[in-house]
Amino acid sequence: MPPETTPEGPTPAPKTPAPAHRLVPSPAGRLHLVEQGRGPLVLLVHGFPESWYSWRHQLPALAAAGYRAVAVDVRGYGRSSKPAAVDAYRMVELVADNVAVVEALGEEAAVVVGHDWGAAIAATSALTRPDVFRAVALLGVPYTPPGGPRPSEVFARMGGEEEFYVSYFQQPGRAEAEIEPDVRGWIAGFHAALSAGTMAAPGAPDPHFVGRGGTLRERFPTGPLPAWLGEGDLDFLAGEFERTGMTGALNRYRNMDRDWADLAGHEGAPITQPSLFIGGALDASLAWLADAVEAYPETLPGLLGSHVLDGCGHFVQQECPKETNRILIDWLASLPARAPATSSA
């Protein structure tokens, strides 16, 4: 649509507000967030090992499309509070943080969008607080309803003689000892291992598993960074963890059995709000959780779109930002202004 014309000439189109950093109160103490734009609230929740910065391509795009886009540092990350207790990172606490953000911003409801662990946090937020979260988009990790066997027992059976990375991360201090002596190098290798264009060829040792007496890093690629991850991007991300350490982020993995117990009352429950899934065709999560995707008609009855992006790895919104933004904005535009919901609390 062309700009309006006045006797003085064309009226400039309104500028998108610049991103603003804020600290808001939460049950964790404080949460750091970055917001941009005005309109319906869209809450963006990152995964491991990331930060609000993983949404740097979505913030301006959503703002330009007429939304109030807000990317948080999950507790334990960045400038958000880092409680000392391991059980402070259980899923119900992270849901409470999301609710606190909505309230602190003066809103009653939000659309919640998550990637990786953020997808699980977003899904649980929508499941347990449908009165607040009117729609949910999941990136990278499909929705699996609560229930089933105890998670630690499932992970212990994976890999045979090798150890699955989740079990490795669950032991306090063990992954920290591998990562923290060279955070930048480890973060670079981790992202390369899971990104299209730099991940290992089929048949190479799987970087999601640890050999007996080994480390995850010894299976990471040692070549160039992924094309989407610039040196400046890596500097920012590594700098966050060099300042905070890795324990807050890793504590999320150390609460999966607690989550299993906490959410037992929601066993098998579907998410009924409007939903969206975007995954990368080369992401191992889609292979591991293929059954979860097939179950979407039952587990996500409000699903409005499921997209698998060719040539894309795990870091969907960063590897394929233009396509992700298009899908998200089209989906958001299709949502009702306020989906009806009742609290399950």
C-alpha atoms as a PDB file:
ATOM      1  CA  MET A   1       0.000   0.000   0.000  1.00  0.00           C
ATOM      2  CA  PRO A   2       1.625   3.329  -1.062  1.00  0.00           C
ATOM      3  CA  PRO A   3       2.126   6.093   1.498  1.00  0.00           C
ATOM      4  CA  GLU A   4      -0.555   8.779   1.751  1.00  0.00           C
ATOM      5  CA  THR A   5       0.148  12.021  -0.100  1.00  0.00           C
ATOM      6  CA  THR A   6      -0.305  15.482   1.420  1.00  0.00           C
ATOM      7  CA  PRO A   7       0.295  18.937  -0.147  1.00  0.00           C
ATOM      8  CA  GLU A   8       3.771  18.738   1.367  1.00  0.00           C
ATOM      9  CA  GLY A   9       4.466  15.384  -0.298  1.00  0.00           C
ATOM     10  CA  PRO A  10       4.202  11.682   0.686  1.00  0.00           C
ATOM     11  CA  THR A  11       3.630  10.921   4.362  1.00  0.00           C
ATOM     12  CA  PRO A  12       6.416   8.629   5.602  1.00  0.00           C
ATOM     13  CA  ALA A  13       5.273   5.166   6.638  1.00  0.00           C
ATOM     14  CA  PRO A  14       5.294   4.685  10.417  1.00  0.00           C
ATOM     15  CA  LYS A  15       8.595   3.302  11.648  1.00  0.00           C
ATOM     16  CA  THR A  16       8.776   0.052  13.583  1.00  0.00           C
ATOM     17  CA  PRO A  17       9.862   0.844  17.146  1.00  0.00           C
ATOM     18  CA  ALA A  18      13.398  -0.210  17.992  1.00  0.00           C
ATOM     19  CA  PRO A  19      13.804  -3.271  20.255  1.00  0.00           C
ATOM     20  CA  ALA A  20      13.797  -2.423  23.947  1.00  0.00           C
ATOM     21  CA  HIS A  21      15.373  -4.375  26.810  1.00  0.00           C
ATOM     22  CA  ARG A  22      13.442  -4.728  30.059  1.00  0.00           C
ATOM     23  CA  LEU A  23      13.637  -6.532  33.377  1.00  0.00           C
ATOM     24  CA  VAL A  24      10.320  -7.702  34.822  1.00  0.00           C
ATOM     25  CA  PRO A  25       9.504  -9.437  38.120  1.00  0.00           C
ATOM     26  CA  SER A  26       8.817 -13.165  38.130  1.00  0.00           C
ATOM     27  CA  PRO A  27       8.811 -16.086  40.565  1.00  0.00           C
ATOM     28  CA  ALA A  28      12.486 -16.545  39.609  1.00  0.00           C
ATOM     29  CA  GLY A  29      13.242 -13.011  40.810  1.00  0.00           C
ATOM     30  CA  ARG A  30      13.574 -11.175  37.515  1.00  0.00           C
ATOM     31  CA  LEU A  31      13.346 -12.015  33.830  1.00  0.00           C
ATOM     32  CA  HIS A  32      15.131 -10.176  31.070  1.00  0.00           C
ATOM     33  CA  LEU A  33      13.217  -9.664  27.863  1.00  0.00           C
ATOM     34  CA  VAL A  34      13.521  -7.813  24.577  1.00  0.00           C
ATOM     35  CA  GLU A  35      10.363  -6.418  23.014  1.00  0.00           C
ATOM     36  CA  GLN A  36       9.598  -4.788  19.703  1.00  0.00           C
ATOM     37  CA  GLY A  37       6.390  -3.592  18.099  1.00  0.00           C
ATOM     38  CA  ARG A  38       2.820  -2.919  19.158  1.00  0.00           C
ATOM     39  CA  GLY A  39      -0.253  -5.096  18.892  1.00  0.00           C
ATOM     40  CA  PRO A  40      -1.257  -8.570  20.107  1.00  0.00           C
ATOM     41  CA  LEU A  41       1.413 -10.099  22.328  1.00  0.00           C
ATOM     42  CA  VAL A  42       3.598 -12.882  20.918  1.00  0.00           C
ATOM     43  CA  LEU A  43       5.922 -14.445  23.511  1.00  0.00           C
ATOM     44  CA  LEU A  44       9.078 -16.082  22.111  1.00  0.00           C
ATOM     45  CA  VAL A  45      10.819 -18.751  24.240  1.00  0.00           C
ATOM     46  CA  HIS A  46      14.290 -20.040  23.342  1.00  0.00           C
ATOM     47  CA  GLY A  47      15.952 -23.421  23.823  1.00  0.00           C
ATOM     48  CA  PHE A  48      19.389 -24.788  24.753  1.00  0.00           C
ATOM     49  CA  PRO A  49      22.042 -23.383  24.524  1.00  0.00           C
ATOM     50  CA  GLU A  50      20.533 -20.129  23.345  1.00  0.00           C
ATOM     51  CA  SER A  51      19.062 -16.834  24.618  1.00  0.00           C
ATOM     52  CA  TRP A  52      16.580 -14.173  23.550  1.00  0.00           C
ATOM     53  CA  TYR A  53      19.060 -13.502  20.721  1.00  0.00           C
ATOM     54  CA  SER A  54      17.941 -16.628  18.864  1.00  0.00           C
ATOM     55  CA  TRP A  55      14.793 -14.649  17.939  1.00  0.00           C
ATOM     56  CA  ARG A  56      16.702 -11.678  16.486  1.00  0.00           C
ATOM     57  CA  HIS A  57      15.233 -12.316  13.026  1.00  0.00           C
ATOM     58  CA  GLN A  58      11.659 -12.709  14.276  1.00  0.00           C
ATOM     59  CA  LEU A  59      11.430  -9.627  16.521  1.00  0.00           C
ATOM     60  CA  PRO A  60      11.534  -7.022  13.720  1.00  0.00           C
ATOM     61  CA  ALA A  61       9.469  -9.134  11.309  1.00  0.00           C
ATOM     62  CA  LEU A  62       6.664  -9.685  13.816  1.00  0.00           C
ATOM     63  CA  ALA A  63       6.778  -6.045  14.886  1.00  0.00           C
ATOM     64  CA  ALA A  64       6.470  -4.903  11.267  1.00  0.00           C
ATOM     65  CA  ALA A  65       3.483  -7.233  10.843  1.00  0.00           C
ATOM     66  CA  GLY A  66       1.627  -5.541  13.713  1.00  0.00           C
ATOM     67  CA  TYR A  67       2.518  -7.637  16.753  1.00  0.00           C
ATOM     68  CA  ARG A  68       4.130  -6.945  20.107  1.00  0.00           C
ATOM     69  CA  ALA A  69       6.980  -9.460  19.907  1.00  0.00           C
ATOM     70  CA  VAL A  70       8.701 -10.302  23.191  1.00  0.00           C
ATOM     71  CA  ALA A  71      11.710 -12.638  23.463  1.00  0.00           C
ATOM     72  CA  VAL A  72      12.690 -13.717  26.967  1.00  0.00           C
ATOM     73  CA  ASP A  73      15.848 -15.029  28.551  1.00  0.00           C
ATOM     74  CA  VAL A  74      14.546 -18.175  30.252  1.00  0.00           C
ATOM     75  CA  ARG A  75      15.496 -18.340  33.941  1.00  0.00           C
ATOM     76  CA  GLY A  76      19.108 -19.470  34.236  1.00  0.00           C
ATOM     77  CA  TYR A  77      20.108 -17.674  31.037  1.00  0.00           C
ATOM     78  CA  GLY A  78      21.443 -14.237  30.162  1.00  0.00           C
ATOM     79  CA  ARG A  79      20.310 -11.430  32.436  1.00  0.00           C
ATOM     80  CA  SER A  80      17.447 -13.384  33.998  1.00  0.00           C
ATOM     81  CA  SER A  81      17.688 -14.687  37.558  1.00  0.00           C
ATOM     82  CA  LYS A  82      19.496 -17.952  38.189  1.00  0.00           C
ATOM     83  CA  PRO A  83      18.080 -19.689  41.269  1.00  0.00           C
ATOM     84  CA  ALA A  84      20.559 -21.989  43.013  1.00  0.00           C
ATOM     85  CA  ALA A  85      18.216 -24.929  43.597  1.00  0.00           C
ATOM     86  CA  VAL A  86      18.116 -27.519  40.817  1.00  0.00           C
ATOM     87  CA  ASP A  87      14.376 -28.029  41.233  1.00  0.00           C
ATOM     88  CA  ALA A  88      13.780 -24.318  40.565  1.00  0.00           C
ATOM     89  CA  TYR A  89      14.077 -25.188  36.858  1.00  0.00           C
ATOM     90  CA  ARG A  90      11.141 -27.615  36.724  1.00  0.00           C
ATOM     91  CA  MET A  91       8.583 -27.024  33.991  1.00  0.00           C
ATOM     92  CA  VAL A  92       5.831 -25.692  36.250  1.00  0.00           C
ATOM     93  CA  GLU A  93       8.190 -22.917  37.396  1.00  0.00           C
ATOM     94  CA  LEU A  94       8.978 -21.945  33.795  1.00  0.00           C
ATOM     95  CA  VAL A  95       5.271 -21.796  32.986  1.00  0.00           C
ATOM     96  CA  ALA A  96       4.817 -19.486  35.980  1.00  0.00           C
ATOM     97  CA  ASP A  97       7.571 -17.264  34.555  1.00  0.00           C
ATOM     98  CA  ASN A  98       5.740 -17.031  31.223  1.00  0.00           C
ATOM     99  CA  VAL A  99       2.528 -16.056  32.976  1.00  0.00           C
ATOM    100  CA  ALA A 100       4.435 -13.455  35.004  1.00  0.00           C
ATOM    101  CA  VAL A 101       5.789 -11.894  31.801  1.00  0.00           C
ATOM    102  CA  VAL A 102       2.296 -11.567  30.321  1.00  0.00           C
ATOM    103  CA  GLU A 103       1.050  -9.938  33.516  1.00  0.00           C
ATOM    104  CA  ALA A 104       4.081  -7.647  33.864  1.00  0.00           C
ATOM    105  CA  LEU A 105       3.467  -6.363  30.332  1.00  0.00           C
ATOM    106  CA  GLY A 106      -0.110  -5.454  31.241  1.00  0.00           C
ATOM    107  CA  GLU A 107      -1.642  -8.096  28.996  1.00  0.00           C
ATOM    108  CA  GLU A 108      -4.285 -10.732  29.675  1.00  0.00           C
ATOM    109  CA  ALA A 109      -3.339 -13.205  26.958  1.00  0.00           C
ATOM    110  CA  ALA A 110      -0.562 -14.076  24.531  1.00  0.00           C
ATOM    111  CA  VAL A 111       0.401 -16.358  21.711  1.00  0.00           C
ATOM    112  CA  VAL A 112       3.401 -18.407  22.822  1.00  0.00           C
ATOM    113  CA  VAL A 113       6.080 -19.600  20.398  1.00  0.00           C
ATOM    114  CA  GLY A 114       8.959 -21.864  21.439  1.00  0.00           C
ATOM    115  CA  HIS A 115      11.990 -23.569  19.947  1.00  0.00           C
ATOM    116  CA  ASP A 116      13.773 -26.673  21.301  1.00  0.00           C
ATOM    117  CA  TRP A 117      13.291 -26.646  25.097  1.00  0.00           C
ATOM    118  CA  GLY A 118      11.298 -23.497  24.498  1.00  0.00           C
ATOM    119  CA  ALA A 119       8.844 -25.588  22.461  1.00  0.00           C
ATOM    120  CA  ALA A 120       8.280 -27.855  25.457  1.00  0.00           C
ATOM    121  CA  ILE A 121       7.891 -24.830  27.733  1.00  0.00           C
ATOM    122  CA  ALA A 122       5.463 -23.233  25.275  1.00  0.00           C
ATOM    123  CA  ALA A 123       3.462 -26.450  24.940  1.00  0.00           C
ATOM    124  CA  THR A 124       3.203 -26.895  28.707  1.00  0.00           C
ATOM    125  CA  SER A 125       2.220 -23.252  29.089  1.00  0.00           C
ATOM    126  CA  ALA A 126      -0.605 -23.726  26.588  1.00  0.00           C
ATOM    127  CA  LEU A 127      -1.643 -27.038  28.144  1.00  0.00           C
ATOM    128  CA  THR A 128      -1.791 -25.892  31.747  1.00  0.00           C
ATOM    129  CA  ARG A 129      -2.787 -22.221  31.285  1.00  0.00           C
ATOM    130  CA  PRO A 130      -5.145 -22.028  28.307  1.00  0.00           C
ATOM    131  CA  ASP A 131      -6.732 -18.991  29.975  1.00  0.00           C
ATOM    132  CA  VAL A 132      -3.498 -17.051  29.278  1.00  0.00           C
ATOM    133  CA  PHE A 133      -1.984 -18.683  26.181  1.00  0.00           C
ATOM    134  CA  ARG A 134      -4.505 -18.548  23.368  1.00  0.00           C
ATOM    135  CA  ALA A 135      -2.383 -20.236  20.704  1.00  0.00           C
ATOM    136  CA  VAL A 136       0.947 -22.047  20.514  1.00  0.00           C
ATOM    137  CA  ALA A 137       3.636 -22.554  17.876  1.00  0.00           C
ATOM    138  CA  LEU A 138       6.291 -25.238  18.302  1.00  0.00           C
ATOM    139  CA  LEU A 139       9.601 -25.091  16.437  1.00  0.00           C
ATOM    140  CA  GLY A 140      11.933 -28.061  16.154  1.00  0.00           C
ATOM    141  CA  VAL A 141      10.444 -30.305  18.844  1.00  0.00           C
ATOM    142  CA  PRO A 142       6.991 -31.872  18.347  1.00  0.00           C
ATOM    143  CA  TYR A 143       4.396 -31.962  21.119  1.00  0.00           C
ATOM    144  CA  THR A 144       4.300 -35.114  23.210  1.00  0.00           C
ATOM    145  CA  PRO A 145       1.594 -35.194  25.911  1.00  0.00           C
ATOM    146  CA  PRO A 146       2.714 -35.823  29.494  1.00  0.00           C
ATOM    147  CA  GLY A 147       2.825 -39.410  30.651  1.00  0.00           C
ATOM    148  CA  GLY A 148       4.446 -42.665  29.632  1.00  0.00           C
ATOM    149  CA  PRO A 149       7.521 -44.199  31.263  1.00  0.00           C
ATOM    150  CA  ARG A 150       9.779 -42.212  33.568  1.00  0.00           C
ATOM    151  CA  PRO A 151      12.051 -40.124  31.300  1.00  0.00           C
ATOM    152  CA  SER A 152      15.354 -41.062  32.950  1.00  0.00           C
ATOM    153  CA  GLU A 153      14.567 -44.732  32.368  1.00  0.00           C
ATOM    154  CA  VAL A 154      13.825 -44.118  28.696  1.00  0.00           C
ATOM    155  CA  PHE A 155      17.053 -42.195  28.129  1.00  0.00           C
ATOM    156  CA  ALA A 156      19.122 -44.793  29.965  1.00  0.00           C
ATOM    157  CA  ARG A 157      18.000 -47.417  27.433  1.00  0.00           C
ATOM    158  CA  MET A 158      18.979 -45.340  24.411  1.00  0.00           C
ATOM    159  CA  GLY A 159      22.279 -45.784  22.652  1.00  0.00           C
ATOM    160  CA  GLY A 160      23.305 -49.258  23.783  1.00  0.00           C
ATOM    161  CA  GLU A 161      26.970 -49.022  24.799  1.00  0.00           C
ATOM    162  CA  GLU A 162      26.887 -45.267  24.263  1.00  0.00           C
ATOM    163  CA  GLU A 163      25.207 -42.666  26.471  1.00  0.00           C
ATOM    164  CA  PHE A 164      22.448 -40.388  25.238  1.00  0.00           C
ATOM    165  CA  TYR A 165      23.268 -36.702  25.627  1.00  0.00           C
ATOM    166  CA  VAL A 166      20.259 -36.065  27.922  1.00  0.00           C
ATOM    167  CA  SER A 167      21.522 -38.601  30.449  1.00  0.00           C
ATOM    168  CA  TYR A 168      24.961 -37.007  30.175  1.00  0.00           C
ATOM    169  CA  PHE A 169      23.541 -33.544  30.865  1.00  0.00           C
ATOM    170  CA  GLN A 170      21.488 -34.774  33.820  1.00  0.00           C
ATOM    171  CA  GLN A 171      24.507 -35.424  36.038  1.00  0.00           C
ATOM    172  CA  PRO A 172      25.327 -32.185  37.900  1.00  0.00           C
ATOM    173  CA  GLY A 173      28.739 -30.787  37.037  1.00  0.00           C
ATOM    174  CA  ARG A 174      29.641 -33.310  34.375  1.00  0.00           C
ATOM    175  CA  ALA A 175      28.721 -31.340  31.259  1.00  0.00           C
ATOM    176  CA  GLU A 176      29.915 -28.113  32.892  1.00  0.00           C
ATOM    177  CA  ALA A 177      33.378 -29.658  33.203  1.00  0.00           C
ATOM    178  CA  GLU A 178      33.401 -30.311  29.454  1.00  0.00           C
ATOM    179  CA  ILE A 179      31.940 -26.993  28.294  1.00  0.00           C
ATOM    180  CA  GLU A 180      33.160 -24.244  30.596  1.00  0.00           C
ATOM    181  CA  PRO A 181      36.932 -24.431  29.900  1.00  0.00           C
ATOM    182  CA  ASP A 182      36.178 -23.332  26.295  1.00  0.00           C
ATOM    183  CA  VAL A 183      32.605 -22.110  26.045  1.00  0.00           C
ATOM    184  CA  ARG A 184      33.046 -20.466  22.653  1.00  0.00           C
ATOM    185  CA  GLY A 185      34.598 -23.529  21.038  1.00  0.00           C
ATOM    186  CA  TRP A 186      31.975 -25.858  22.493  1.00  0.00           C
ATOM    187  CA  ILE A 187      29.054 -23.642  21.471  1.00  0.00           C
ATOM    188  CA  ALA A 188      30.476 -23.357  17.949  1.00  0.00           C
ATOM    189  CA  GLY A 189      30.835 -27.125  17.624  1.00  0.00           C
ATOM    190  CA  PHE A 190      27.393 -27.830  19.067  1.00  0.00           C
ATOM    191  CA  HIS A 191      25.691 -25.521  16.586  1.00  0.00           C
ATOM    192  CA  ALA A 192      27.719 -26.902  13.687  1.00  0.00           C
ATOM    193  CA  ALA A 193      26.786 -30.471  14.666  1.00  0.00           C
ATOM    194  CA  LEU A 194      23.051 -29.758  14.448  1.00  0.00           C
ATOM    195  CA  SER A 195      22.938 -27.363  11.469  1.00  0.00           C
ATOM    196  CA  ALA A 196      22.396 -28.108   7.810  1.00  0.00           C
ATOM    197  CA  GLY A 197      25.595 -27.737   5.803  1.00  0.00           C
ATOM    198  CA  THR A 198      27.959 -28.469   8.693  1.00  0.00           C
ATOM    199  CA  MET A 199      26.490 -31.534  10.406  1.00  0.00           C
ATOM    200  CA  ALA A 200      28.341 -34.814  10.030  1.00  0.00           C
ATOM    201  CA  ALA A 201      27.581 -37.045   7.069  1.00  0.00           C
ATOM    202  CA  PRO A 202      25.293 -40.049   7.561  1.00  0.00           C
ATOM    203  CA  GLY A 203      27.184 -42.921   9.140  1.00  0.00           C
ATOM    204  CA  ALA A 204      29.545 -40.697  11.158  1.00  0.00           C
ATOM    205  CA  PRO A 205      29.508 -41.059  14.970  1.00  0.00           C
ATOM    206  CA  ASP A 206      26.302 -39.463  16.257  1.00  0.00           C
ATOM    207  CA  PRO A 207      26.983 -36.213  18.172  1.00  0.00           C
ATOM    208  CA  HIS A 208      23.896 -36.834  20.316  1.00  0.00           C
ATOM    209  CA  PHE A 209      25.691 -39.705  22.069  1.00  0.00           C
ATOM    210  CA  VAL A 210      28.784 -39.984  24.229  1.00  0.00           C
ATOM    211  CA  GLY A 211      31.175 -42.892  23.831  1.00  0.00           C
ATOM    212  CA  ARG A 212      32.399 -44.720  26.893  1.00  0.00           C
ATOM    213  CA  GLY A 213      34.743 -42.377  28.751  1.00  0.00           C
ATOM    214  CA  GLY A 214      34.347 -39.729  26.048  1.00  0.00           C
ATOM    215  CA  THR A 215      32.767 -36.314  25.581  1.00  0.00           C
ATOM    216  CA  LEU A 216      30.154 -34.841  23.300  1.00  0.00           C
ATOM    217  CA  ARG A 217      32.626 -32.369  21.842  1.00  0.00           C
ATOM    218  CA  GLU A 218      34.898 -35.006  20.371  1.00  0.00           C
ATOM    219  CA  ARG A 219      32.110 -35.749  17.864  1.00  0.00           C
ATOM    220  CA  PHE A 220      31.435 -32.134  16.880  1.00  0.00           C
ATOM    221  CA  PRO A 221      32.606 -30.881  13.455  1.00  0.00           C
ATOM    222  CA  THR A 222      35.828 -28.881  13.491  1.00  0.00           C
ATOM    223  CA  GLY A 223      35.321 -26.984  10.226  1.00  0.00           C
ATOM    224  CA  PRO A 224      33.734 -23.582   9.559  1.00  0.00           C
ATOM    225  CA  LEU A 225      30.747 -22.161  11.378  1.00  0.00           C
ATOM    226  CA  PRO A 226      27.284 -22.688   9.885  1.00  0.00           C
ATOM    227  CA  ALA A 227      26.531 -20.058   7.260  1.00  0.00           C
ATOM    228  CA  TRP A 228      23.762 -18.568   9.424  1.00  0.00           C
ATOM    229  CA  LEU A 229      25.998 -18.139  12.510  1.00  0.00           C
ATOM    230  CA  GLY A 230      28.384 -15.199  12.149  1.00  0.00           C
ATOM    231  CA  GLU A 231      31.421 -14.605  14.320  1.00  0.00           C
ATOM    232  CA  GLY A 232      29.592 -11.720  16.000  1.00  0.00           C
ATOM    233  CA  ASP A 233      26.591 -13.939  16.732  1.00  0.00           C
ATOM    234  CA  LEU A 234      28.867 -16.542  18.274  1.00  0.00           C
ATOM    235  CA  ASP A 235      30.679 -13.880  20.308  1.00  0.00           C
ATOM    236  CA  PHE A 236      27.381 -12.693  21.799  1.00  0.00           C
ATOM    237  CA  LEU A 237      26.126 -16.166  22.639  1.00  0.00           C
ATOM    238  CA  ALA A 238      29.418 -17.397  24.079  1.00  0.00           C
ATOM    239  CA  GLY A 239      29.779 -14.189  26.059  1.00  0.00           C
ATOM    240  CA  GLU A 240      26.451 -14.810  27.790  1.00  0.00           C
ATOM    241  CA  PHE A 241      27.521 -18.263  28.987  1.00  0.00           C
ATOM    242  CA  GLU A 242      31.052 -17.184  29.852  1.00  0.00           C
ATOM    243  CA  ARG A 243      29.450 -14.681  32.210  1.00  0.00           C
ATOM    244  CA  THR A 244      26.723 -16.904  33.674  1.00  0.00           C
ATOM    245  CA  GLY A 245      28.169 -20.408  33.463  1.00  0.00           C
ATOM    246  CA  MET A 246      26.207 -23.353  32.093  1.00  0.00           C
ATOM    247  CA  THR A 247      24.511 -24.742  35.203  1.00  0.00           C
ATOM    248  CA  GLY A 248      21.282 -22.749  34.961  1.00  0.00           C
ATOM    249  CA  ALA A 249      20.765 -23.870  31.381  1.00  0.00           C
ATOM    250  CA  LEU A 250      21.663 -27.498  32.085  1.00  0.00           C
ATOM    251  CA  ASN A 251      19.380 -27.678  35.116  1.00  0.00           C
ATOM    252  CA  ARG A 252      16.438 -27.893  32.723  1.00  0.00           C
ATOM    253  CA  TYR A 253      17.586 -31.412  31.809  1.00  0.00           C
ATOM    254  CA  ARG A 254      17.897 -32.307  35.494  1.00  0.00           C
ATOM    255  CA  ASN A 255      14.190 -31.836  36.132  1.00  0.00           C
ATOM    256  CA  MET A 256      12.618 -34.141  33.581  1.00  0.00           C
ATOM    257  CA  ASP A 257      11.580 -36.756  36.146  1.00  0.00           C
ATOM    258  CA  ARG A 258      10.140 -33.996  38.344  1.00  0.00           C
ATOM    259  CA  ASP A 259       8.198 -32.686  35.341  1.00  0.00           C
ATOM    260  CA  TRP A 260       6.876 -36.190  34.719  1.00  0.00           C
ATOM    261  CA  ALA A 261       5.530 -36.311  38.286  1.00  0.00           C
ATOM    262  CA  ASP A 262       4.299 -32.696  38.351  1.00  0.00           C
ATOM    263  CA  LEU A 263       2.289 -33.117  35.139  1.00  0.00           C
ATOM    264  CA  ALA A 264       0.856 -36.566  35.872  1.00  0.00           C
ATOM    265  CA  GLY A 265      -2.624 -35.053  36.112  1.00  0.00           C
ATOM    266  CA  HIS A 266      -2.367 -34.041  32.431  1.00  0.00           C
ATOM    267  CA  GLU A 267      -1.310 -37.483  31.172  1.00  0.00           C
ATOM    268  CA  GLY A 268      -2.231 -37.894  27.522  1.00  0.00           C
ATOM    269  CA  ALA A 269      -3.919 -34.496  27.360  1.00  0.00           C
ATOM    270  CA  PRO A 270      -4.192 -32.691  24.012  1.00  0.00           C
ATOM    271  CA  ILE A 271      -3.547 -28.995  23.442  1.00  0.00           C
ATOM    272  CA  THR A 272      -6.811 -27.686  22.023  1.00  0.00           C
ATOM    273  CA  GLN A 273      -5.879 -24.088  21.187  1.00  0.00           C
ATOM    274  CA  PRO A 274      -4.870 -23.160  17.631  1.00  0.00           C
ATOM    275  CA  SER A 275      -1.372 -24.523  17.043  1.00  0.00           C
ATOM    276  CA  LEU A 276       1.474 -24.637  14.540  1.00  0.00           C
ATOM    277  CA  PHE A 277       4.548 -26.816  14.026  1.00  0.00           C
ATOM    278  CA  ILE A 278       7.697 -25.971  12.055  1.00  0.00           C
ATOM    279  CA  GLY A 279      10.609 -28.399  11.870  1.00  0.00           C
ATOM    280  CA  GLY A 280      13.790 -28.893   9.897  1.00  0.00           C
ATOM    281  CA  ALA A 281      13.959 -31.888   7.571  1.00  0.00           C
ATOM    282  CA  LEU A 282      17.505 -32.631   8.791  1.00  0.00           C
ATOM    283  CA  ASP A 283      16.691 -32.317  12.508  1.00  0.00           C
ATOM    284  CA  ALA A 284      17.130 -35.579  14.401  1.00  0.00           C
ATOM    285  CA  SER A 285      14.174 -34.615  16.603  1.00  0.00           C
ATOM    286  CA  LEU A 286      11.801 -35.372  13.741  1.00  0.00           C
ATOM    287  CA  ALA A 287      13.186 -38.888  13.373  1.00  0.00           C
ATOM    288  CA  TRP A 288      13.098 -39.621  17.114  1.00  0.00           C
ATOM    289  CA  LEU A 289       9.598 -38.185  17.525  1.00  0.00           C
ATOM    290  CA  ALA A 290       8.002 -39.281  14.255  1.00  0.00           C
ATOM    291  CA  ASP A 291       5.222 -40.990  16.196  1.00  0.00           C
ATOM    292  CA  ALA A 292       4.449 -37.710  17.964  1.00  0.00           C
ATOM    293  CA  VAL A 293       4.009 -35.959  14.612  1.00  0.00           C
ATOM    294  CA  GLU A 294       1.736 -38.737  13.370  1.00  0.00           C
ATOM    295  CA  ALA A 295      -0.383 -38.337  16.513  1.00  0.00           C
ATOM    296  CA  TYR A 296      -1.073 -34.630  15.895  1.00  0.00           C
ATOM    297  CA  PRO A 297      -4.739 -35.174  14.909  1.00  0.00           C
ATOM    298  CA  GLU A 298      -5.317 -36.409  18.476  1.00  0.00           C
ATOM    299  CA  THR A 299      -2.722 -34.421  20.432  1.00  0.00           C
ATOM    300  CA  LEU A 300      -3.042 -31.086  18.581  1.00  0.00           C
ATOM    301  CA  PRO A 301      -6.646 -31.000  17.357  1.00  0.00           C
ATOM    302  CA  GLY A 302      -6.342 -27.252  16.773  1.00  0.00           C
ATOM    303  CA  LEU A 303      -3.340 -27.646  14.445  1.00  0.00           C
ATOM    304  CA  LEU A 304      -3.509 -25.108  11.612  1.00  0.00           C
ATOM    305  CA  GLY A 305      -0.259 -26.056   9.902  1.00  0.00           C
ATOM    306  CA  SER A 306       2.661 -28.487  10.104  1.00  0.00           C
ATOM    307  CA  HIS A 307       5.700 -27.517   8.052  1.00  0.00           C
ATOM    308  CA  VAL A 308       8.972 -29.377   7.489  1.00  0.00           C
ATOM    309  CA  LEU A 309      11.586 -27.144   5.871  1.00  0.00           C
ATOM    310  CA  ASP A 310      13.892 -28.834   3.359  1.00  0.00           C
ATOM    311  CA  GLY A 311      17.615 -28.351   3.848  1.00  0.00           C
ATOM    312  CA  CYS A 312      17.125 -27.113   7.411  1.00  0.00           C
ATOM    313  CA  GLY A 313      18.608 -28.497  10.609  1.00  0.00           C
ATOM    314  CA  HIS A 314      17.666 -27.981  14.240  1.00  0.00           C
ATOM    315  CA  PHE A 315      17.911 -24.184  14.568  1.00  0.00           C
ATOM    316  CA  VAL A 316      14.846 -23.517  12.435  1.00  0.00           C
ATOM    317  CA  GLN A 317      14.199 -19.825  13.016  1.00  0.00           C
ATOM    318  CA  GLN A 318      17.874 -18.949  12.622  1.00  0.00           C
ATOM    319  CA  GLU A 319      18.759 -21.247   9.728  1.00  0.00           C
ATOM    320  CA  CYS A 320      15.642 -20.407   7.712  1.00  0.00           C
ATOM    321  CA  PRO A 321      14.450 -17.054   9.071  1.00  0.00           C
ATOM    322  CA  LYS A 322      12.558 -15.774   6.017  1.00  0.00           C
ATOM    323  CA  GLU A 323      10.513 -18.928   5.598  1.00  0.00           C
ATOM    324  CA  THR A 324       9.922 -19.230   9.340  1.00  0.00           C
ATOM    325  CA  ASN A 325       8.783 -15.606   9.529  1.00  0.00           C
ATOM    326  CA  ARG A 326       6.407 -16.050   6.620  1.00  0.00           C
ATOM    327  CA  ILE A 327       4.831 -19.144   8.156  1.00  0.00           C
ATOM    328  CA  LEU A 328       4.532 -17.555  11.590  1.00  0.00           C
ATOM    329  CA  ILE A 329       3.003 -14.319  10.298  1.00  0.00           C
ATOM    330  CA  ASP A 330       0.505 -16.123   8.056  1.00  0.00           C
ATOM    331  CA  TRP A 331      -0.500 -18.330  10.989  1.00  0.00           C
ATOM    332  CA  LEU A 332      -0.820 -15.411  13.385  1.00  0.00           C
ATOM    333  CA  ALA A 333      -3.015 -13.574  10.878  1.00  0.00           C
ATOM    334  CA  SER A 334      -5.362 -16.579  10.767  1.00  0.00           C
ATOM    335  CA  LEU A 335      -5.952 -16.622  14.537  1.00  0.00           C
ATOM    336  CA  PRO A 336      -9.090 -15.245  16.134  1.00  0.00           C
ATOM    337  CA  ALA A 337      -8.517 -12.114  18.194  1.00  0.00           C
ATOM    338  CA  ARG A 338      -9.102 -14.071  21.382  1.00  0.00           C
ATOM    339  CA  ALA A 339      -9.572 -17.823  21.261  1.00  0.00           C
ATOM    340  CA  PRO A 340     -12.046 -19.036  23.895  1.00  0.00           C
ATOM    341  CA  ALA A 341     -10.407 -21.056  26.660  1.00  0.00           C
ATOM    342  CA  THR A 342     -10.967 -22.032  30.244  1.00  0.00           C
ATOM    343  CA  SER A 343      -8.280 -22.531  32.851  1.00  0.00           C
ATOM    344  CA  SER A 344      -7.325 -26.080  33.721  1.00  0.00           C
ATOM    345  CA  ALA A 345      -5.782 -24.915  36.967  1.00  0.00           C
END
